[in-house]
Amino acid sequence: MTVGAAGTAEAAPARLPALQDAAVTTRLHATSSHAFVDPAGTPHQLVGPNIQPLWDAYDTDTWDQATYDSIKAKGFTSVRMVLFWDMFQPTEGEWNETAFSTLATAVTRAKSAGLYVILDCVHMSGSPDGQEHVPQWARVTPTDDGSVEGLDAVVENGLGFLQTIANRYRDEPAVAAYDPVNEPFRSSTKSARLLSDYTRIVDAIRAKDSATNIMLEPSYGDAKVPASSFSSFTPTNRSNLIWSVHDYYNGDPESGYTNGYDDDTGLGLVPNPSDGSTGYDPANKTALASHLQVQLDMAQAEGLPIWIGEFGIGNGLTGHDQYIKDKVALYKSKGLGYAWWEYYSEGGNGPFSMVDANDGWRSWVNLLF
């Protein structure tokens, strides 16, 4: 991975109002209808890329100040920082201070650029059962009957890590939210159990940080969670909570909530743009809104605002630009902030990479506003 700026900042057309021109100093909180609100009561639509700030657990190399300045100059207001638990706690009971120092550098640089930070604390993905970046000592063995799933590793062994993050960033206004677990590996048929897990997670974080926003996610990005399941969500403090959805839906009925939606996995039965190789038919535009509305209705019933933690489509695919236009128009019509997956990958050649191999912004990034 190349260290350095993401290319020369271009003049940006009129876009979202800037939260600050200088370093972030204002703490944001959540209300029942807005994910991010300043102390004066003004909602702010945080928009930005997902970015990986740590590249090696024992190396302090990370994106330089010019990169974050470029992200801000482009018109973005936030970054969602993707963290890997195994980098921070490779051994039970011991912390890798090099990793924490690198993260502190990244947060400071984002803050100096005028960007808010969402910390994606435990990024679950890959095998086994989402535990690719779970420390070996903390992993659980998934069972065929689903009584043990990847999320159990976090609930049983990761609360201390989440508390450590919260303890270190509780007084940092630039950290707009903790997103404790990325796409929790809990079957969508066990949504009540998922929310019981979130009770423990929220209570653990609140024991160290009583104010910073906390995000809750459904299983696998956009799985349906029945409102009835929230009877299992009983944290001591329900303030400053946000429902965060990963919305890669492209309008194909087989990837939606009808006609073949797989309740065992929480995923559609055919590929969607999250695979980086499936395109978009603009004729499906109206289905995007009806799909998102399922999440909006559920969240509204629970008094939770929504923020889109991930969306994207592979570069160069059919309907690529129109997909971005239609998604962004939809989010803006609902007053939602969002984060593109992702800023940089595979030397700038990854299907979702916002910058190219020369660290220059791809032309379609302007469509994200």
Protein backbone atom coordinates (compact mmCIF):
# COMPACT_ATOMS: atom_id res chain seq x y z
CA MET A 1 0.00 0.00 0.00
CA THR A 2 1.38 3.38 -0.98
CA VAL A 3 1.64 6.04 1.70
CA GLY A 4 0.70 9.55 0.69
CA ALA A 5 -1.94 11.94 -0.44
CA ALA A 6 -4.81 10.82 -2.61
CA GLY A 7 -3.88 13.17 -5.40
CA THR A 8 -4.27 16.91 -5.81
CA ALA A 9 -7.52 18.25 -4.44
CA GLU A 10 -9.88 19.53 -7.09
CA ALA A 11 -12.13 22.55 -6.83
CA ALA A 12 -15.42 21.23 -5.50
CA PRO A 13 -18.83 22.43 -6.66
CA ALA A 14 -21.37 23.56 -4.07
CA ARG A 15 -22.10 20.62 -1.83
CA LEU A 16 -22.90 19.80 1.76
CA PRO A 17 -22.32 22.68 4.18
CA ALA A 18 -18.96 22.40 5.86
CA LEU A 19 -19.16 21.56 9.55
CA GLN A 20 -15.87 23.31 10.28
CA ASP A 21 -13.13 24.84 8.21
CA ALA A 22 -10.55 23.92 10.81
CA ALA A 23 -10.07 21.11 13.30
CA VAL A 24 -13.21 19.46 14.62
CA THR A 25 -14.16 20.75 18.06
CA THR A 26 -17.93 20.27 18.20
CA ARG A 27 -19.37 17.06 19.64
CA LEU A 28 -22.32 15.61 17.77
CA HIS A 29 -25.16 13.62 19.28
CA ALA A 30 -28.09 11.60 17.93
CA THR A 31 -31.82 12.23 18.15
CA SER A 32 -34.68 9.93 17.25
CA SER A 33 -34.77 11.38 13.73
CA HIS A 34 -31.21 12.51 12.99
CA ALA A 35 -28.01 10.55 13.38
CA PHE A 36 -25.77 13.56 13.92
CA VAL A 37 -26.89 16.82 15.49
CA ASP A 38 -24.77 19.63 16.91
CA PRO A 39 -25.39 21.25 20.31
CA ALA A 40 -27.50 23.97 18.67
CA GLY A 41 -29.85 21.30 17.32
CA THR A 42 -28.72 21.53 13.69
CA PRO A 43 -28.59 18.15 11.90
CA HIS A 44 -25.46 17.35 9.89
CA GLN A 45 -25.29 14.82 7.07
CA LEU A 46 -21.97 13.05 7.57
CA VAL A 47 -20.69 11.74 4.25
CA GLY A 48 -17.34 10.17 3.50
CA PRO A 49 -15.34 7.08 2.62
CA ASN A 50 -14.52 3.95 4.52
CA ILE A 51 -10.78 3.98 5.09
CA GLN A 52 -8.31 1.56 6.69
CA PRO A 53 -5.91 3.54 8.90
CA LEU A 54 -3.75 0.61 10.09
CA TRP A 55 -1.81 -1.44 7.56
CA ASP A 56 0.48 -3.42 9.86
CA ALA A 57 -0.03 -4.10 13.54
CA TYR A 58 3.55 -3.19 14.42
CA ASP A 59 4.26 -0.43 11.92
CA THR A 60 3.24 3.19 12.43
CA ASP A 61 2.87 3.95 8.71
CA THR A 62 -0.57 5.33 7.94
CA TRP A 63 -2.24 7.88 5.65
CA ASP A 64 -0.53 11.25 5.91
CA GLN A 65 -2.15 14.59 6.72
CA ALA A 66 -2.41 15.48 3.04
CA THR A 67 -4.68 12.48 2.46
CA TYR A 68 -7.22 13.63 5.03
CA ASP A 69 -6.92 17.21 3.82
CA SER A 70 -7.67 15.97 0.31
CA ILE A 71 -10.73 14.04 1.52
CA LYS A 72 -12.01 17.18 3.22
CA ALA A 73 -11.20 19.41 0.23
CA LYS A 74 -13.12 17.05 -2.01
CA GLY A 75 -16.23 17.89 0.00
CA PHE A 76 -16.50 15.03 2.50
CA THR A 77 -17.26 15.58 6.17
CA SER A 78 -16.34 12.25 7.76
CA VAL A 79 -14.43 8.99 7.48
CA ARG A 80 -15.42 5.56 8.76
CA MET A 81 -12.21 3.97 10.01
CA VAL A 82 -12.10 0.19 9.55
CA LEU A 83 -10.25 -1.46 12.47
CA PHE A 84 -9.11 -5.04 12.95
CA TRP A 85 -9.30 -6.30 16.52
CA ASP A 86 -6.41 -8.75 16.11
CA MET A 87 -4.03 -5.85 15.49
CA PHE A 88 -4.82 -4.28 18.84
CA GLN A 89 -5.05 -7.34 21.09
CA PRO A 90 -3.13 -10.23 19.56
CA THR A 91 -2.65 -11.75 23.00
CA GLU A 92 -5.32 -12.01 25.68
CA GLY A 93 -4.93 -9.37 28.34
CA GLU A 94 -2.25 -7.42 26.46
CA TRP A 95 -2.54 -4.37 24.21
CA ASN A 96 -0.44 -3.58 21.18
CA GLU A 97 0.32 0.07 21.89
CA THR A 98 1.85 0.51 18.44
CA ALA A 99 -1.58 -0.08 16.91
CA PHE A 100 -3.26 2.30 19.35
CA SER A 101 -0.62 4.95 18.61
CA THR A 102 -1.17 4.61 14.86
CA LEU A 103 -4.91 4.93 15.33
CA ALA A 104 -4.40 8.03 17.48
CA THR A 105 -2.33 9.55 14.68
CA ALA A 106 -5.06 8.80 12.13
CA VAL A 107 -7.82 10.29 14.29
CA THR A 108 -5.72 13.39 14.96
CA ARG A 109 -5.07 13.89 11.25
CA ALA A 110 -8.74 13.45 10.36
CA LYS A 111 -9.68 15.89 13.11
CA SER A 112 -7.10 18.43 11.92
CA ALA A 113 -8.56 18.22 8.41
CA GLY A 114 -12.04 18.96 9.77
CA LEU A 115 -13.39 15.42 9.39
CA TYR A 116 -15.48 13.50 11.85
CA VAL A 117 -14.57 9.88 12.54
CA ILE A 118 -16.76 6.80 12.94
CA LEU A 119 -14.76 3.98 14.49
CA ASP A 120 -15.69 0.58 13.02
CA CYS A 121 -14.20 -1.20 16.01
CA VAL A 122 -14.50 -4.93 15.30
CA HIS A 123 -14.66 -5.41 11.55
CA MET A 124 -16.08 -8.90 11.17
CA SER A 125 -15.59 -10.49 7.77
CA GLY A 126 -14.27 -13.64 6.15
CA SER A 127 -13.83 -17.06 7.71
CA PRO A 128 -14.48 -18.66 10.04
CA ASP A 129 -17.92 -17.11 10.45
CA GLY A 130 -16.71 -13.53 10.27
CA GLN A 131 -13.66 -14.08 12.47
CA GLU A 132 -10.87 -13.41 9.97
CA HIS A 133 -9.70 -10.42 12.02
CA VAL A 134 -10.63 -11.75 15.44
CA PRO A 135 -7.53 -12.65 17.50
CA GLN A 136 -6.85 -16.38 17.51
CA TRP A 137 -7.22 -16.54 21.29
CA ALA A 138 -10.68 -14.93 21.13
CA ARG A 139 -12.22 -17.01 18.34
CA VAL A 140 -15.15 -19.36 18.85
CA THR A 141 -15.92 -22.54 16.95
CA PRO A 142 -19.17 -22.12 15.00
CA THR A 143 -21.67 -24.94 15.33
CA ASP A 144 -23.83 -26.45 12.61
CA ASP A 145 -27.01 -25.65 14.51
CA GLY A 146 -26.05 -21.99 14.82
CA SER A 147 -25.98 -22.02 18.60
CA VAL A 148 -22.45 -20.58 18.35
CA GLU A 149 -21.77 -17.96 15.69
CA GLY A 150 -19.02 -15.45 14.98
CA LEU A 151 -20.58 -12.67 17.04
CA ASP A 152 -20.14 -14.81 20.15
CA ALA A 153 -16.41 -14.08 19.94
CA VAL A 154 -17.11 -10.39 20.47
CA VAL A 155 -19.73 -10.81 23.16
CA GLU A 156 -17.68 -13.36 25.11
CA ASN A 157 -14.17 -12.00 24.57
CA GLY A 158 -14.30 -8.57 22.96
CA LEU A 159 -16.12 -6.31 25.39
CA GLY A 160 -12.83 -5.35 27.01
CA PHE A 161 -11.48 -4.19 23.65
CA LEU A 162 -14.60 -2.10 23.01
CA GLN A 163 -14.30 -0.59 26.48
CA THR A 164 -10.65 0.25 25.86
CA ILE A 165 -11.55 2.08 22.65
CA ALA A 166 -14.32 3.94 24.48
CA ASN A 167 -12.09 4.84 27.41
CA ARG A 168 -9.47 6.30 25.08
CA TYR A 169 -11.87 8.31 22.91
CA ARG A 170 -14.69 9.31 25.25
CA ASP A 171 -13.45 12.93 25.40
CA GLU A 172 -12.63 13.25 21.69
CA PRO A 173 -15.28 15.33 19.87
CA ALA A 174 -13.97 14.24 16.47
CA VAL A 175 -15.14 10.68 17.17
CA ALA A 176 -18.76 11.02 16.16
CA ALA A 177 -19.69 7.38 16.83
CA TYR A 178 -18.53 3.91 17.69
CA ASP A 179 -19.74 1.22 15.30
CA PRO A 180 -18.84 -1.66 17.64
CA VAL A 181 -19.33 -4.62 15.28
CA ASN A 182 -19.33 -4.58 11.50
CA GLU A 183 -22.01 -6.85 10.03
CA PRO A 184 -22.45 -9.06 13.10
CA PHE A 185 -22.32 -12.73 12.25
CA ARG A 186 -25.62 -13.67 13.83
CA SER A 187 -28.22 -15.39 11.67
CA SER A 188 -31.08 -13.10 10.71
CA THR A 189 -33.46 -15.69 12.17
CA LYS A 190 -31.95 -14.85 15.56
CA SER A 191 -32.59 -11.11 15.56
CA ALA A 192 -33.82 -11.15 19.16
CA ARG A 193 -30.54 -12.74 20.19
CA LEU A 194 -28.64 -10.16 18.13
CA LEU A 195 -30.33 -7.37 20.05
CA SER A 196 -29.68 -9.10 23.34
CA ASP A 197 -26.01 -9.16 22.32
CA TYR A 198 -26.21 -5.44 21.58
CA THR A 199 -27.59 -4.86 25.06
CA ARG A 200 -24.34 -6.22 26.48
CA ILE A 201 -22.23 -4.32 23.96
CA VAL A 202 -23.93 -0.98 24.59
CA ASP A 203 -23.82 -1.41 28.36
CA ALA A 204 -20.11 -2.27 28.21
CA ILE A 205 -19.31 0.86 26.17
CA ARG A 206 -21.53 3.07 28.32
CA ALA A 207 -19.65 1.95 31.42
CA LYS A 208 -16.67 3.87 29.98
CA ASP A 209 -18.32 6.50 27.78
CA SER A 210 -21.76 7.85 28.60
CA ALA A 211 -22.17 10.18 25.64
CA THR A 212 -20.56 9.19 22.32
CA ASN A 213 -22.98 7.84 19.72
CA ILE A 214 -23.13 4.06 19.32
CA MET A 215 -24.26 2.36 16.12
CA LEU A 216 -26.23 -0.87 15.92
CA GLU A 217 -26.21 -3.00 12.77
CA PRO A 218 -28.45 -5.75 11.46
CA SER A 219 -26.82 -9.02 10.45
CA TYR A 220 -25.08 -9.02 7.07
CA GLY A 221 -25.63 -5.40 6.16
CA ASP A 222 -29.33 -4.96 5.50
CA ALA A 223 -31.06 -8.00 6.99
CA LYS A 224 -34.60 -7.36 8.20
CA VAL A 225 -35.01 -7.08 11.95
CA PRO A 226 -38.61 -7.34 13.16
CA ALA A 227 -39.63 -4.59 15.55
CA SER A 228 -40.75 -7.31 17.95
CA SER A 229 -37.12 -8.37 18.40
CA PHE A 230 -36.37 -5.10 20.15
CA SER A 231 -38.03 -6.46 23.27
CA SER A 232 -34.61 -8.11 23.77
CA PHE A 233 -32.80 -4.77 23.58
CA THR A 234 -32.71 -3.48 27.15
CA PRO A 235 -29.58 -1.34 27.67
CA THR A 236 -29.36 0.86 30.73
CA ASN A 237 -28.99 3.92 28.49
CA ARG A 238 -30.80 4.21 25.15
CA SER A 239 -29.64 7.71 24.28
CA ASN A 240 -27.39 8.53 21.33
CA LEU A 241 -28.00 5.29 19.44
CA ILE A 242 -27.99 5.00 15.64
CA TRP A 243 -29.19 2.20 13.34
CA SER A 244 -26.56 1.67 10.64
CA VAL A 245 -27.37 -0.18 7.43
CA HIS A 246 -25.05 -1.36 4.65
CA ASP A 247 -27.11 -0.76 1.55
CA TYR A 248 -25.73 -2.46 -1.57
CA TYR A 249 -29.18 -3.34 -2.90
CA ASN A 250 -29.53 -2.86 -6.67
CA GLY A 251 -33.28 -3.33 -7.04
CA ASP A 252 -33.19 -6.96 -8.18
CA PRO A 253 -36.17 -8.73 -6.56
CA GLU A 254 -34.06 -11.79 -5.81
CA SER A 255 -31.72 -9.66 -3.71
CA GLY A 256 -34.56 -7.92 -1.90
CA TYR A 257 -37.00 -8.78 0.86
CA THR A 258 -39.38 -10.70 -1.41
CA ASN A 259 -39.19 -13.46 -4.00
CA GLY A 260 -36.42 -15.53 -2.55
CA TYR A 261 -34.91 -13.51 0.27
CA ASP A 262 -33.04 -16.03 2.39
CA ASP A 263 -34.03 -15.71 6.05
CA ASP A 264 -31.30 -18.12 7.12
CA THR A 265 -28.48 -15.86 6.02
CA GLY A 266 -30.03 -12.42 5.73
CA LEU A 267 -28.87 -12.22 2.13
CA GLY A 268 -30.58 -12.28 -1.22
CA LEU A 269 -30.24 -15.40 -3.33
CA VAL A 270 -28.50 -13.68 -6.25
CA PRO A 271 -25.45 -11.39 -6.21
CA ASN A 272 -25.77 -7.68 -5.53
CA PRO A 273 -23.20 -4.91 -6.00
CA SER A 274 -21.43 -5.78 -2.76
CA ASP A 275 -19.63 -8.53 -4.72
CA GLY A 276 -17.88 -5.93 -6.86
CA SER A 277 -18.91 -7.61 -10.12
CA THR A 278 -22.70 -7.15 -10.29
CA GLY A 279 -24.09 -4.08 -12.02
CA TYR A 280 -27.30 -2.06 -11.85
CA ASP A 281 -30.35 -1.72 -14.05
CA PRO A 282 -31.72 1.85 -13.72
CA ALA A 283 -35.19 0.42 -14.36
CA ASN A 284 -35.01 -0.89 -10.78
CA LYS A 285 -34.76 2.59 -9.28
CA THR A 286 -38.12 2.57 -7.49
CA ALA A 287 -37.22 -0.68 -5.73
CA LEU A 288 -34.27 1.04 -4.04
CA ALA A 289 -36.62 3.28 -2.10
CA SER A 290 -39.05 0.53 -1.08
CA HIS A 291 -36.16 -1.62 0.12
CA LEU A 292 -34.68 1.14 2.24
CA GLN A 293 -38.11 2.04 3.59
CA VAL A 294 -38.25 -1.31 5.40
CA GLN A 295 -35.28 -0.21 7.50
CA LEU A 296 -36.58 3.34 7.91
CA ASP A 297 -39.94 2.13 9.19
CA MET A 298 -38.37 -0.25 11.69
CA ALA A 299 -35.92 2.36 12.94
CA GLN A 300 -38.61 5.00 13.27
CA ALA A 301 -40.74 2.64 15.32
CA GLU A 302 -37.81 2.22 17.71
CA GLY A 303 -36.90 5.91 17.82
CA LEU A 304 -33.59 5.33 16.05
CA PRO A 305 -32.06 7.47 13.29
CA ILE A 306 -30.32 5.77 10.37
CA TRP A 307 -26.85 6.22 8.89
CA ILE A 308 -25.65 4.26 5.84
CA GLY A 309 -22.32 2.76 6.90
CA GLU A 310 -21.49 1.22 3.54
CA PHE A 311 -22.69 1.25 -0.05
CA GLY A 312 -20.94 0.86 -3.36
CA ILE A 313 -20.71 -0.74 -6.78
CA GLY A 314 -17.72 -2.02 -8.73
CA ASN A 315 -15.95 0.46 -10.97
CA GLY A 316 -16.83 0.21 -14.66
CA LEU A 317 -19.85 -2.04 -14.21
CA THR A 318 -23.13 -1.60 -16.07
CA GLY A 319 -25.15 1.21 -14.51
CA HIS A 320 -22.28 2.26 -12.21
CA ASP A 321 -22.75 6.02 -12.39
CA GLN A 322 -26.54 5.88 -12.39
CA TYR A 323 -26.46 3.60 -9.34
CA ILE A 324 -24.51 6.24 -7.44
CA LYS A 325 -26.81 9.02 -8.61
CA ASP A 326 -29.95 7.11 -7.64
CA LYS A 327 -28.60 6.02 -4.25
CA VAL A 328 -27.32 9.47 -3.31
CA ALA A 329 -30.57 11.14 -4.40
CA LEU A 330 -32.50 8.65 -2.27
CA TYR A 331 -30.32 9.18 0.79
CA LYS A 332 -30.49 12.94 0.48
CA SER A 333 -34.27 12.83 0.11
CA LYS A 334 -34.41 11.01 3.44
CA GLY A 335 -31.84 13.24 5.11
CA LEU A 336 -29.38 10.36 5.55
CA GLY A 337 -25.61 10.46 5.74
CA TYR A 338 -23.59 7.70 4.11
CA ALA A 339 -20.14 6.21 3.59
CA TRP A 340 -18.79 4.77 0.35
CA TRP A 341 -16.98 1.44 0.41
CA GLU A 342 -14.09 2.24 0.07
CA TYR A 343 -11.38 4.89 -0.22
CA TYR A 344 -8.50 2.67 -1.44
CA SER A 345 -7.85 -0.99 -2.10
CA GLU A 346 -5.60 -3.26 -4.13
CA GLY A 347 -3.14 -0.56 -5.08
CA GLY A 348 -5.96 1.64 -6.31
CA ASN A 349 -7.20 -1.11 -8.61
CA GLY A 350 -9.86 -2.54 -6.30
CA PRO A 351 -13.40 -2.52 -7.69
CA PHE A 352 -14.64 0.04 -5.16
CA SER A 353 -11.48 2.15 -4.82
CA MET A 354 -12.24 5.89 -4.93
CA VAL A 355 -8.67 6.68 -5.95
CA ASP A 356 -6.65 5.10 -8.72
CA ALA A 357 -3.19 3.56 -8.71
CA ASN A 358 -1.69 7.06 -8.90
CA ASP A 359 -3.70 8.18 -5.85
CA GLY A 360 -5.89 10.42 -8.00
CA TRP A 361 -9.62 10.73 -7.42
CA ARG A 362 -11.74 8.79 -9.89
CA SER A 363 -14.07 11.07 -11.84
CA TRP A 364 -17.25 9.44 -10.54
CA VAL A 365 -16.45 10.44 -6.94
CA ASN A 366 -18.10 13.80 -7.71
CA LEU A 367 -21.40 11.91 -7.97
CA LEU A 368 -21.27 11.13 -4.25
CA PHE A 369 -22.51 14.60 -3.33
